[in-house]
PDB file of N, CA and C in Angstrom:
ATOM      1  N   MET A   1      80.895 105.618 137.903  1.00  0.00           N
ATOM      2  CA  MET A   1      81.498 105.267 136.788  1.00  0.00           C
ATOM      3  C   MET A   1      82.939 105.013 136.904  1.00  0.00           C
ATOM      4  N   ASN A   2      83.460 105.521 138.011  1.00  0.00           N
ATOM      5  CA  ASN A   2      84.942 105.577 138.102  1.00  0.00           C
ATOM      6  C   ASN A   2      85.893 105.700 136.906  1.00  0.00           C
ATOM      7  N   ALA A   3      85.671 106.615 136.134  1.00  0.00           N
ATOM      8  CA  ALA A   3      86.374 106.809 134.903  1.00  0.00           C
ATOM      9  C   ALA A   3      86.709 108.255 134.709  1.00  0.00           C
ATOM     10  N   HIS A   4      87.348 108.888 135.848  1.00  0.00           N
ATOM     11  CA  HIS A   4      87.411 110.484 135.952  1.00  0.00           C
ATOM     12  C   HIS A   4      88.471 110.724 135.069  1.00  0.00           C
ATOM     13  N   ASN A   5      89.524 110.076 134.499  1.00  0.00           N
ATOM     14  CA  ASN A   5      90.599 110.262 133.449  1.00  0.00           C
ATOM     15  C   ASN A   5      90.203 109.905 132.162  1.00  0.00           C
ATOM     16  N   TRP A   6      89.095 109.571 131.774  1.00  0.00           N
ATOM     17  CA  TRP A   6      89.109 108.859 130.459  1.00  0.00           C
ATOM     18  C   TRP A   6      89.306 109.617 129.407  1.00  0.00           C
ATOM     19  N   PHE A   7      89.130 110.959 129.506  1.00  0.00           N
ATOM     20  CA  PHE A   7      89.338 111.879 128.451  1.00  0.00           C
ATOM     21  C   PHE A   7      91.099 111.963 128.248  1.00  0.00           C
ATOM     22  N   ASN A   8      91.829 112.137 129.258  1.00  0.00           N
ATOM     23  CA  ASN A   8      93.100 112.279 129.111  1.00  0.00           C
ATOM     24  C   ASN A   8      93.699 110.768 128.670  1.00  0.00           C
ATOM     25  N   ASP A   9      93.153 109.749 129.164  1.00  0.00           N
ATOM     26  CA  ASP A   9      93.653 108.238 128.930  1.00  0.00           C
ATOM     27  C   ASP A   9      93.359 108.147 127.286  1.00  0.00           C
ATOM     28  N   SER A  10      92.246 108.725 126.706  1.00  0.00           N
ATOM     29  CA  SER A  10      91.899 108.741 125.251  1.00  0.00           C
ATOM     30  C   SER A  10      93.063 109.289 124.564  1.00  0.00           C
ATOM     31  N   TYR A  11      93.299 110.526 124.916  1.00  0.00           N
ATOM     32  CA  TYR A  11      94.455 111.388 124.369  1.00  0.00           C
ATOM     33  C   TYR A  11      95.826 110.727 124.265  1.00  0.00           C
ATOM     34  N   ARG A  12      95.993 109.970 125.447  1.00  0.00           N
ATOM     35  CA  ARG A  12      97.499 109.274 125.435  1.00  0.00           C
ATOM     36  C   ARG A  12      97.398 108.064 124.516  1.00  0.00           C
ATOM     37  N   LEU A  13      96.265 107.431 124.363  1.00  0.00           N
ATOM     38  CA  LEU A  13      96.206 106.321 123.662  1.00  0.00           C
ATOM     39  C   LEU A  13      96.342 106.850 122.040  1.00  0.00           C
ATOM     40  N   MET A  14      95.590 107.773 121.732  1.00  0.00           N
ATOM     41  CA  MET A  14      95.631 108.314 120.254  1.00  0.00           C
ATOM     42  C   MET A  14      97.062 108.881 119.866  1.00  0.00           C
ATOM     43  N   ASP A  15      97.754 109.504 120.970  1.00  0.00           N
ATOM     44  CA  ASP A  15      99.170 109.970 120.743  1.00  0.00           C
ATOM     45  C   ASP A  15     100.120 108.875 120.560  1.00  0.00           C
ATOM     46  N   TYR A  16      99.843 107.807 121.259  1.00  0.00           N
ATOM     47  CA  TYR A  16     100.743 106.558 121.157  1.00  0.00           C
ATOM     48  C   TYR A  16     100.522 106.026 119.687  1.00  0.00           C
ATOM     49  N   ALA A  17      99.204 105.848 119.327  1.00  0.00           N
ATOM     50  CA  ALA A  17      99.030 105.229 117.987  1.00  0.00           C
ATOM     51  C   ALA A  17      99.605 105.906 116.983  1.00  0.00           C
ATOM     52  N   TYR A  18      99.422 107.458 117.009  1.00  0.00           N
ATOM     53  CA  TYR A  18     100.018 108.425 115.902  1.00  0.00           C
ATOM     54  C   TYR A  18     101.478 108.351 115.976  1.00  0.00           C
ATOM     55  N   GLU A  19     102.283 108.197 117.097  1.00  0.00           N
ATOM     56  CA  GLU A  19     103.732 108.224 117.161  1.00  0.00           C
ATOM     57  C   GLU A  19     104.280 106.759 116.831  1.00  0.00           C
ATOM     58  N   ASN A  20     103.655 105.629 116.893  1.00  0.00           N
ATOM     59  CA  ASN A  20     104.304 104.399 116.661  1.00  0.00           C
ATOM     60  C   ASN A  20     103.553 103.682 115.448  1.00  0.00           C
ATOM     61  N   PHE A  21     102.611 104.012 114.939  1.00  0.00           N
ATOM     62  CA  PHE A  21     102.040 103.291 113.730  1.00  0.00           C
ATOM     63  C   PHE A  21     101.848 104.202 112.411  1.00  0.00           C
ATOM     64  N   GLU A  22     102.007 103.738 111.351  1.00  0.00           N
ATOM     65  CA  GLU A  22     101.806 104.388 110.206  1.00  0.00           C
ATOM     66  C   GLU A  22     100.785 103.533 109.278  1.00  0.00           C
ATOM     67  N   LEU A  23     100.013 104.100 108.133  1.00  0.00           N
ATOM     68  CA  LEU A  23      99.103 103.339 107.514  1.00  0.00           C
ATOM     69  C   LEU A  23      99.793 102.972 106.189  1.00  0.00           C
ATOM     70  N   ALA A  24      99.766 101.750 105.549  1.00  0.00           N
ATOM     71  CA  ALA A  24     100.481 101.106 104.428  1.00  0.00           C
ATOM     72  C   ALA A  24      99.151 100.815 103.445  1.00  0.00           C
ATOM     73  N   LYS A  25      99.489 101.496 102.312  1.00  0.00           N
ATOM     74  CA  LYS A  25      98.417 101.292 101.260  1.00  0.00           C
ATOM     75  C   LYS A  25      98.806 100.282 100.393  1.00  0.00           C
ATOM     76  N   LEU A  26      97.997  99.144 100.447  1.00  0.00           N
ATOM     77  CA  LEU A  26      98.550  97.969  99.726  1.00  0.00           C
ATOM     78  C   LEU A  26      97.956  97.929  98.108  1.00  0.00           C
ATOM     79  N   ALA A  27      96.725  98.503  98.194  1.00  0.00           N
ATOM     80  CA  ALA A  27      96.051  98.532  96.738  1.00  0.00           C
ATOM     81  C   ALA A  27      94.982  99.706  96.747  1.00  0.00           C
ATOM     82  N   SER A  28      94.904 100.341  95.538  1.00  0.00           N
ATOM     83  CA  SER A  28      93.784 101.220  95.406  1.00  0.00           C
ATOM     84  C   SER A  28      92.574 100.557  94.666  1.00  0.00           C
ATOM     85  N   ALA A  29      91.311 101.238  95.155  1.00  0.00           N
ATOM     86  CA  ALA A  29      89.984 100.821  94.816  1.00  0.00           C
ATOM     87  C   ALA A  29      89.980 100.618  93.348  1.00  0.00           C
ATOM     88  N   GLU A  30      89.457  99.662  92.712  1.00  0.00           N
ATOM     89  CA  GLU A  30      89.165  99.216  91.347  1.00  0.00           C
ATOM     90  C   GLU A  30      90.467  99.388  90.453  1.00  0.00           C
ATOM     91  N   ARG A  31      91.479  99.141  91.070  1.00  0.00           N
ATOM     92  CA  ARG A  31      92.676  99.047  90.257  1.00  0.00           C
ATOM     93  C   ARG A  31      92.879  97.593  89.829  1.00  0.00           C
ATOM     94  N   ILE A  32      93.563  97.439  88.667  1.00  0.00           N
ATOM     95  CA  ILE A  32      93.866  96.040  88.212  1.00  0.00           C
ATOM     96  C   ILE A  32      95.086  95.346  89.043  1.00  0.00           C
ATOM     97  N   LEU A  33      94.728  94.233  89.797  1.00  0.00           N
ATOM     98  CA  LEU A  33      95.639  93.538  90.468  1.00  0.00           C
ATOM     99  C   LEU A  33      96.113  92.226  89.571  1.00  0.00           C
ATOM    100  N   LYS A  34      95.282  91.616  88.904  1.00  0.00           N
ATOM    101  CA  LYS A  34      95.334  90.288  88.256  1.00  0.00           C
ATOM    102  C   LYS A  34      94.509  90.082  87.096  1.00  0.00           C
ATOM    103  N   ALA A  35      94.805  89.232  86.272  1.00  0.00           N
ATOM    104  CA  ALA A  35      94.077  88.886  85.224  1.00  0.00           C
ATOM    105  C   ALA A  35      93.676  87.421  85.463  1.00  0.00           C
ATOM    106  N   VAL A  36      92.377  86.933  85.236  1.00  0.00           N
ATOM    107  CA  VAL A  36      91.868  85.701  85.281  1.00  0.00           C
ATOM    108  C   VAL A  36      91.288  85.306  84.005  1.00  0.00           C
ATOM    109  N   LEU A  37      91.678  83.920  83.430  1.00  0.00           N
ATOM    110  CA  LEU A  37      91.175  83.420  82.092  1.00  0.00           C
ATOM    111  C   LEU A  37      89.677  83.235  82.220  1.00  0.00           C
ATOM    112  N   VAL A  38      89.153  83.283  81.053  1.00  0.00           N
ATOM    113  CA  VAL A  38      87.698  83.020  81.005  1.00  0.00           C
ATOM    114  C   VAL A  38      87.322  82.105  80.013  1.00  0.00           C
ATOM    115  N   ASN A  39      86.335  81.210  80.233  1.00  0.00           N
ATOM    116  CA  ASN A  39      85.953  80.209  79.365  1.00  0.00           C
ATOM    117  C   ASN A  39      84.653  80.613  78.691  1.00  0.00           C
ATOM    118  N   GLN A  40      84.609  80.467  77.327  1.00  0.00           N
ATOM    119  CA  GLN A  40      83.649  80.783  76.484  1.00  0.00           C
ATOM    120  C   GLN A  40      82.925  82.461  76.692  1.00  0.00           C
ATOM    121  N   GLY A  41      83.940  83.257  76.744  1.00  0.00           N
ATOM    122  CA  GLY A  41      83.801  84.672  76.897  1.00  0.00           C
ATOM    123  C   GLY A  41      84.093  85.507  75.673  1.00  0.00           C
ATOM    124  N   ASP A  42      83.627  86.705  75.515  1.00  0.00           N
ATOM    125  CA  ASP A  42      83.799  87.422  74.424  1.00  0.00           C
ATOM    126  C   ASP A  42      85.274  88.100  74.490  1.00  0.00           C
ATOM    127  N   LYS A  43      85.865  87.912  75.626  1.00  0.00           N
ATOM    128  CA  LYS A  43      87.364  88.085  75.784  1.00  0.00           C
ATOM    129  C   LYS A  43      87.891  86.964  76.526  1.00  0.00           C
ATOM    130  N   ASP A  44      89.133  86.689  76.246  1.00  0.00           N
ATOM    131  CA  ASP A  44      89.819  85.472  76.792  1.00  0.00           C
ATOM    132  C   ASP A  44      90.157  85.793  78.486  1.00  0.00           C
ATOM    133  N   HIS A  45      90.115  86.927  79.064  1.00  0.00           N
ATOM    134  CA  HIS A  45      90.530  87.113  80.320  1.00  0.00           C
ATOM    135  C   HIS A  45      89.562  88.349  80.925  1.00  0.00           C
ATOM    136  N   VAL A  46      89.591  88.232  82.244  1.00  0.00           N
ATOM    137  CA  VAL A  46      89.018  89.391  82.995  1.00  0.00           C
ATOM    138  C   VAL A  46      89.822  89.996  84.069  1.00  0.00           C
ATOM    139  N   PHE A  47      89.760  91.191  84.286  1.00  0.00           N
ATOM    140  CA  PHE A  47      90.728  91.806  85.334  1.00  0.00           C
ATOM    141  C   PHE A  47      89.977  91.975  86.696  1.00  0.00           C
ATOM    142  N   ILE A  48      90.607  91.557  87.670  1.00  0.00           N
ATOM    143  CA  ILE A  48      90.079  91.905  88.982  1.00  0.00           C
ATOM    144  C   ILE A  48      90.909  92.750  89.856  1.00  0.00           C
ATOM    145  N   GLY A  49      90.335  93.269  90.771  1.00  0.00           N
ATOM    146  CA  GLY A  49      90.941  94.188  91.895  1.00  0.00           C
ATOM    147  C   GLY A  49      90.090  94.257  93.093  1.00  0.00           C
ATOM    148  N   PRO A  50      90.418  95.220  94.016  1.00  0.00           N
ATOM    149  CA  PRO A  50      89.817  95.326  95.123  1.00  0.00           C
ATOM    150  C   PRO A  50      88.548  96.411  94.910  1.00  0.00           C
ATOM    151  N   LYS A  51      87.527  96.230  95.748  1.00  0.00           N
ATOM    152  CA  LYS A  51      86.296  97.206  95.649  1.00  0.00           C
ATOM    153  C   LYS A  51      86.637  98.470  96.253  1.00  0.00           C
ATOM    154  N   GLU A  52      87.513  98.403  97.393  1.00  0.00           N
ATOM    155  CA  GLU A  52      87.823  99.601  98.225  1.00  0.00           C
ATOM    156  C   GLU A  52      89.302  99.582  98.331  1.00  0.00           C
ATOM    157  N   ASP A  53      89.926 100.774  98.714  1.00  0.00           N
ATOM    158  CA  ASP A  53      91.329 100.785  99.042  1.00  0.00           C
ATOM    159  C   ASP A  53      91.760  99.740 100.194  1.00  0.00           C
ATOM    160  N   ILE A  54      92.826  99.216  99.927  1.00  0.00           N
ATOM    161  CA  ILE A  54      93.282  98.252 100.930  1.00  0.00           C
ATOM    162  C   ILE A  54      94.351  98.933 101.766  1.00  0.00           C
ATOM    163  N   ILE A  55      94.180  99.376 102.919  1.00  0.00           N
ATOM    164  CA  ILE A  55      95.061 100.242 103.977  1.00  0.00           C
ATOM    165  C   ILE A  55      95.181  99.217 105.144  1.00  0.00           C
ATOM    166  N   ILE A  56      96.509  99.101 105.516  1.00  0.00           N
ATOM    167  CA  ILE A  56      96.678  98.492 106.878  1.00  0.00           C
ATOM    168  C   ILE A  56      97.619  99.240 107.677  1.00  0.00           C
ATOM    169  N   PRO A  57      97.333  99.193 109.122  1.00  0.00           N
ATOM    170  CA  PRO A  57      98.462  99.945 110.076  1.00  0.00           C
ATOM    171  C   PRO A  57      99.485  99.096 110.314  1.00  0.00           C
ATOM    172  N   ILE A  58     100.745  99.519 110.242  1.00  0.00           N
ATOM    173  CA  ILE A  58     102.052  98.797 110.549  1.00  0.00           C
ATOM    174  C   ILE A  58     102.797  99.551 111.638  1.00  0.00           C
ATOM    175  N   LYS A  59     103.500  98.819 112.440  1.00  0.00           N
ATOM    176  CA  LYS A  59     104.474  99.646 113.457  1.00  0.00           C
ATOM    177  C   LYS A  59     105.489 100.502 112.529  1.00  0.00           C
ATOM    178  N   LYS A  60     105.760 101.685 112.982  1.00  0.00           N
ATOM    179  CA  LYS A  60     106.819 102.513 112.211  1.00  0.00           C
ATOM    180  C   LYS A  60     108.195 102.005 112.272  1.00  0.00           C
ATOM    181  N   ASP A  61     108.690 101.492 113.499  1.00  0.00           N
ATOM    182  CA  ASP A  61     109.875 100.903 113.607  1.00  0.00           C
ATOM    183  C   ASP A  61     110.206  99.455 113.277  1.00  0.00           C
ATOM    184  N   GLN A  62     109.113  98.789 112.878  1.00  0.00           N
ATOM    185  CA  GLN A  62     109.078  97.358 112.727  1.00  0.00           C
ATOM    186  C   GLN A  62     109.409  97.255 111.116  1.00  0.00           C
ATOM    187  N   THR A  63     110.561  96.314 110.995  1.00  0.00           N
ATOM    188  CA  THR A  63     110.794  96.084 109.552  1.00  0.00           C
ATOM    189  C   THR A  63     110.018  94.655 109.196  1.00  0.00           C
ATOM    190  N   SER A  64     108.769  94.957 109.135  1.00  0.00           N
ATOM    191  CA  SER A  64     107.611  93.947 108.600  1.00  0.00           C
ATOM    192  C   SER A  64     107.904  93.553 107.290  1.00  0.00           C
ATOM    193  N   GLU A  65     107.536  92.243 106.969  1.00  0.00           N
ATOM    194  CA  GLU A  65     107.638  91.797 105.613  1.00  0.00           C
ATOM    195  C   GLU A  65     106.032  91.680 105.307  1.00  0.00           C
ATOM    196  N   ILE A  66     105.342  92.546 104.511  1.00  0.00           N
ATOM    197  CA  ILE A  66     103.963  92.314 103.955  1.00  0.00           C
ATOM    198  C   ILE A  66     103.924  91.510 102.796  1.00  0.00           C
ATOM    199  N   SER A  67     103.004  90.405 102.756  1.00  0.00           N
ATOM    200  CA  SER A  67     102.940  89.885 101.578  1.00  0.00           C
ATOM    201  C   SER A  67     101.437  89.353 101.456  1.00  0.00           C
ATOM    202  N   ILE A  68     101.059  89.118 100.175  1.00  0.00           N
ATOM    203  CA  ILE A  68      99.696  88.928  99.756  1.00  0.00           C
ATOM    204  C   ILE A  68      99.544  87.599  99.028  1.00  0.00           C
ATOM    205  N   ALA A  69      98.318  86.994  99.116  1.00  0.00           N
ATOM    206  CA  ALA A  69      98.111  86.054  98.353  1.00  0.00           C
ATOM    207  C   ALA A  69      96.673  85.803  97.725  1.00  0.00           C
ATOM    208  N   TYR A  70      96.478  85.381  96.570  1.00  0.00           N
ATOM    209  CA  TYR A  70      95.323  85.702  95.853  1.00  0.00           C
ATOM    210  C   TYR A  70      94.565  84.467  96.063  1.00  0.00           C
ATOM    211  N   ASN A  71      93.271  84.463  96.667  1.00  0.00           N
ATOM    212  CA  ASN A  71      92.383  83.303  96.561  1.00  0.00           C
ATOM    213  C   ASN A  71      91.212  83.433  95.635  1.00  0.00           C
ATOM    214  N   VAL A  72      91.632  83.119  94.313  1.00  0.00           N
ATOM    215  CA  VAL A  72      90.754  83.186  93.276  1.00  0.00           C
ATOM    216  C   VAL A  72      90.935  82.127  92.499  1.00  0.00           C
ATOM    217  N   LEU A  73      89.854  81.805  91.595  1.00  0.00           N
ATOM    218  CA  LEU A  73      89.801  80.778  90.621  1.00  0.00           C
ATOM    219  C   LEU A  73      90.837  81.254  89.466  1.00  0.00           C
ATOM    220  N   ASN A  74      91.595  80.196  88.835  1.00  0.00           N
ATOM    221  CA  ASN A  74      92.436  80.629  87.660  1.00  0.00           C
ATOM    222  C   ASN A  74      91.672  80.891  86.359  1.00  0.00           C
ATOM    223  N   ILE A  75      90.531  79.999  86.286  1.00  0.00           N
ATOM    224  CA  ILE A  75      89.697  80.062  85.140  1.00  0.00           C
ATOM    225  C   ILE A  75      88.244  80.140  85.536  1.00  0.00           C
ATOM    226  N   VAL A  76      87.589  81.083  84.998  1.00  0.00           N
ATOM    227  CA  VAL A  76      86.222  81.304  85.259  1.00  0.00           C
ATOM    228  C   VAL A  76      85.447  80.971  83.890  1.00  0.00           C
ATOM    229  N   ASP A  77      84.085  80.730  84.216  1.00  0.00           N
ATOM    230  CA  ASP A  77      83.035  80.618  83.020  1.00  0.00           C
ATOM    231  C   ASP A  77      82.466  81.861  82.869  1.00  0.00           C
ATOM    232  N   ALA A  78      82.170  82.198  81.497  1.00  0.00           N
ATOM    233  CA  ALA A  78      81.333  83.455  81.174  1.00  0.00           C
ATOM    234  C   ALA A  78      79.847  83.211  81.383  1.00  0.00           C
ATOM    235  N   PRO A  79      79.039  84.143  81.815  1.00  0.00           N
ATOM    236  CA  PRO A  79      79.351  85.491  81.836  1.00  0.00           C
ATOM    237  C   PRO A  79      79.889  85.851  83.190  1.00  0.00           C
ATOM    238  N   VAL A  80      80.560  86.992  83.190  1.00  0.00           N
ATOM    239  CA  VAL A  80      81.091  87.526  84.523  1.00  0.00           C
ATOM    240  C   VAL A  80      80.404  89.098  84.300  1.00  0.00           C
ATOM    241  N   ARG A  81      80.104  89.630  85.620  1.00  0.00           N
ATOM    242  CA  ARG A  81      79.738  90.829  85.813  1.00  0.00           C
ATOM    243  C   ARG A  81      80.549  91.741  86.536  1.00  0.00           C
ATOM    244  N   ARG A  82      80.786  92.979  86.117  1.00  0.00           N
ATOM    245  CA  ARG A  82      81.291  93.846  86.887  1.00  0.00           C
ATOM    246  C   ARG A  82      80.823  94.003  88.290  1.00  0.00           C
ATOM    247  N   TRP A  83      81.541  94.331  89.426  1.00  0.00           N
ATOM    248  CA  TRP A  83      81.283  94.298  90.792  1.00  0.00           C
ATOM    249  C   TRP A  83      80.960  92.921  91.268  1.00  0.00           C
ATOM    250  N   GLN A  84      80.803  91.896  90.571  1.00  0.00           N
ATOM    251  CA  GLN A  84      80.688  90.555  91.184  1.00  0.00           C
ATOM    252  C   GLN A  84      81.940  90.049  92.010  1.00  0.00           C
ATOM    253  N   GLU A  85      81.642  89.446  93.011  1.00  0.00           N
ATOM    254  CA  GLU A  85      82.952  88.932  93.688  1.00  0.00           C
ATOM    255  C   GLU A  85      83.617  87.988  93.130  1.00  0.00           C
ATOM    256  N   ALA A  86      84.974  88.202  93.101  1.00  0.00           N
ATOM    257  CA  ALA A  86      85.851  87.268  92.388  1.00  0.00           C
ATOM    258  C   ALA A  86      86.754  86.415  93.308  1.00  0.00           C
ATOM    259  N   GLY A  87      86.763  86.623  94.712  1.00  0.00           N
ATOM    260  CA  GLY A  87      87.505  85.953  95.596  1.00  0.00           C
ATOM    261  C   GLY A  87      88.121  86.919  96.581  1.00  0.00           C
ATOM    262  N   THR A  88      89.096  86.567  97.092  1.00  0.00           N
ATOM    263  CA  THR A  88      89.626  87.474  98.123  1.00  0.00           C
ATOM    264  C   THR A  88      91.426  87.550  98.188  1.00  0.00           C
ATOM    265  N   LEU A  89      91.777  88.782  98.658  1.00  0.00           N
ATOM    266  CA  LEU A  89      93.327  88.983  98.767  1.00  0.00           C
ATOM    267  C   LEU A  89      93.572  88.708 100.227  1.00  0.00           C
ATOM    268  N   ASP A  90      94.294  87.629 100.510  1.00  0.00           N
ATOM    269  CA  ASP A  90      94.867  87.375 101.903  1.00  0.00           C
ATOM    270  C   ASP A  90      96.043  88.201 102.110  1.00  0.00           C
ATOM    271  N   ILE A  91      96.222  88.794 103.279  1.00  0.00           N
ATOM    272  CA  ILE A  91      97.259  89.699 103.705  1.00  0.00           C
ATOM    273  C   ILE A  91      97.847  88.963 104.807  1.00  0.00           C
ATOM    274  N   PHE A  92      99.323  88.886 104.691  1.00  0.00           N
ATOM    275  CA  PHE A  92     100.102  88.413 105.736  1.00  0.00           C
ATOM    276  C   PHE A  92     101.270  89.446 106.158  1.00  0.00           C
ATOM    277  N   ILE A  93     101.561  89.530 107.509  1.00  0.00           N
ATOM    278  CA  ILE A  93     102.615  90.354 108.063  1.00  0.00           C
ATOM    279  C   ILE A  93     103.578  89.344 108.643  1.00  0.00           C
ATOM    280  N   ASP A  94     104.764  89.190 108.107  1.00  0.00           N
ATOM    281  CA  ASP A  94     105.808  88.307 108.752  1.00  0.00           C
ATOM    282  C   ASP A  94     105.190  86.913 108.857  1.00  0.00           C
ATOM    283  N   GLY A  95     104.683  86.634 107.722  1.00  0.00           N
ATOM    284  CA  GLY A  95     103.969  85.122 107.541  1.00  0.00           C
ATOM    285  C   GLY A  95     102.812  85.035 108.220  1.00  0.00           C
ATOM    286  N   GLU A  96     102.223  85.717 109.086  1.00  0.00           N
ATOM    287  CA  GLU A  96     100.943  85.706 109.966  1.00  0.00           C
ATOM    288  C   GLU A  96      99.806  86.420 109.205  1.00  0.00           C
ATOM    289  N   HIS A  97      98.792  85.535 109.031  1.00  0.00           N
ATOM    290  CA  HIS A  97      97.470  85.932 108.261  1.00  0.00           C
ATOM    291  C   HIS A  97      96.906  87.043 109.258  1.00  0.00           C
ATOM    292  N   ILE A  98      96.630  88.248 108.691  1.00  0.00           N
ATOM    293  CA  ILE A  98      96.086  89.159 109.488  1.00  0.00           C
ATOM    294  C   ILE A  98      94.675  89.650 109.031  1.00  0.00           C
ATOM    295  N   GLY A  99      94.321  89.189 107.798  1.00  0.00           N
ATOM    296  CA  GLY A  99      93.112  89.483 107.343  1.00  0.00           C
ATOM    297  C   GLY A  99      92.920  89.137 105.795  1.00  0.00           C
ATOM    298  N   ALA A 100      91.674  89.412 105.132  1.00  0.00           N
ATOM    299  CA  ALA A 100      91.340  89.358 103.753  1.00  0.00           C
ATOM    300  C   ALA A 100      90.430  90.298 103.400  1.00  0.00           C
ATOM    301  N   GLN A 101      90.644  90.618 102.031  1.00  0.00           N
ATOM    302  CA  GLN A 101      89.715  91.770 101.446  1.00  0.00           C
ATOM    303  C   GLN A 101      89.009  91.275 100.390  1.00  0.00           C
ATOM    304  N   PRO A 102      87.910  91.600  99.975  1.00  0.00           N
ATOM    305  CA  PRO A 102      87.213  90.835  98.820  1.00  0.00           C
ATOM    306  C   PRO A 102      87.895  91.577  97.524  1.00  0.00           C
ATOM    307  N   LEU A 103      87.699  90.722  96.551  1.00  0.00           N
ATOM    308  CA  LEU A 103      88.186  91.133  95.136  1.00  0.00           C
ATOM    309  C   LEU A 103      86.953  91.223  94.231  1.00  0.00           C
ATOM    310  N   ILE A 104      86.903  91.780  93.289  1.00  0.00           N
ATOM    311  CA  ILE A 104      85.828  91.960  92.261  1.00  0.00           C
ATOM    312  C   ILE A 104      86.227  92.062  90.981  1.00  0.00           C
ATOM    313  N   TYR A 105      85.311  91.539  89.972  1.00  0.00           N
ATOM    314  CA  TYR A 105      85.729  91.642  88.514  1.00  0.00           C
ATOM    315  C   TYR A 105      85.487  93.090  88.289  1.00  0.00           C
ATOM    316  N   LEU A 106      86.370  93.561  87.322  1.00  0.00           N
ATOM    317  CA  LEU A 106      86.368  95.123  87.051  1.00  0.00           C
ATOM    318  C   LEU A 106      85.652  95.198  85.719  1.00  0.00           C
ATOM    319  N   GLU A 107      85.331  94.261  85.139  1.00  0.00           N
ATOM    320  CA  GLU A 107      84.574  94.718  83.820  1.00  0.00           C
ATOM    321  C   GLU A 107      83.423  93.443  83.624  1.00  0.00           C
ATOM    322  N   ASP A 108      82.610  93.712  82.525  1.00  0.00           N
ATOM    323  CA  ASP A 108      81.614  92.652  82.156  1.00  0.00           C
ATOM    324  C   ASP A 108      82.257  91.691  80.911  1.00  0.00           C
ATOM    325  N   ILE A 109      81.961  90.466  81.102  1.00  0.00           N
ATOM    326  CA  ILE A 109      82.446  89.634  79.975  1.00  0.00           C
ATOM    327  C   ILE A 109      81.142  88.835  79.552  1.00  0.00           C
ATOM    328  N   ASP A 110      80.799  88.919  78.353  1.00  0.00           N
ATOM    329  CA  ASP A 110      79.706  88.143  77.955  1.00  0.00           C
ATOM    330  C   ASP A 110      79.881  86.895  77.518  1.00  0.00           C
ATOM    331  N   GLN A 111      78.896  86.016  77.689  1.00  0.00           N
ATOM    332  CA  GLN A 111      79.196  84.545  77.170  1.00  0.00           C
ATOM    333  C   GLN A 111      79.118  84.406  75.407  1.00  0.00           C
ATOM    334  N   VAL A 112      79.795  83.810  74.960  1.00  0.00           N
ATOM    335  CA  VAL A 112      79.906  83.504  73.491  1.00  0.00           C
ATOM    336  C   VAL A 112      79.659  81.917  73.398  1.00  0.00           C
ATOM    337  N   MET A 113      78.416  81.717  72.829  1.00  0.00           N
ATOM    338  CA  MET A 113      78.121  80.200  72.493  1.00  0.00           C
ATOM    339  C   MET A 113      78.886  79.772  71.268  1.00  0.00           C
ATOM    340  N   ASP A 114      79.331  78.482  71.215  1.00  0.00           N
ATOM    341  CA  ASP A 114      79.927  77.913  70.217  1.00  0.00           C
ATOM    342  C   ASP A 114      78.940  77.667  69.198  1.00  0.00           C
ATOM    343  N   GLU A 115      79.045  78.046  67.969  1.00  0.00           N
ATOM    344  CA  GLU A 115      78.064  77.517  66.885  1.00  0.00           C
ATOM    345  C   GLU A 115      78.152  76.027  66.371  1.00  0.00           C
ATOM    346  N   LEU A 116      76.862  75.586  66.253  1.00  0.00           N
ATOM    347  CA  LEU A 116      76.873  74.270  65.964  1.00  0.00           C
ATOM    348  C   LEU A 116      77.035  74.030  64.502  1.00  0.00           C
ATOM    349  N   GLU A 117      77.568  73.050  63.903  1.00  0.00           N
ATOM    350  CA  GLU A 117      77.806  72.858  62.678  1.00  0.00           C
ATOM    351  C   GLU A 117      76.674  72.266  61.732  1.00  0.00           C
TER     352      GLU A 117
END
């Protein structure tokens, strides 16, 4: 197998990672990040947020600029269900897209039908 020092190599890699990187928490699970307008709903808006914590590794000594962009509709039609996917949160470091995380609706919005006259 020719891997006599794999254990020590693994430790060195782990040491390097812990010494040079840290975790940045961008958002907490199920916390409100944005409100989206709702057509024909029992409320005029619905809150969206991440299903899980959004955590990314960044270099400790780097002065990175972290930015986000919402990839969601501005207006949705009722009904809307909690946990239903609402779109994604795109994550950028220094302008470079590094990934996307799903966003969910954080509440149920029922449809209200217009009454006919």
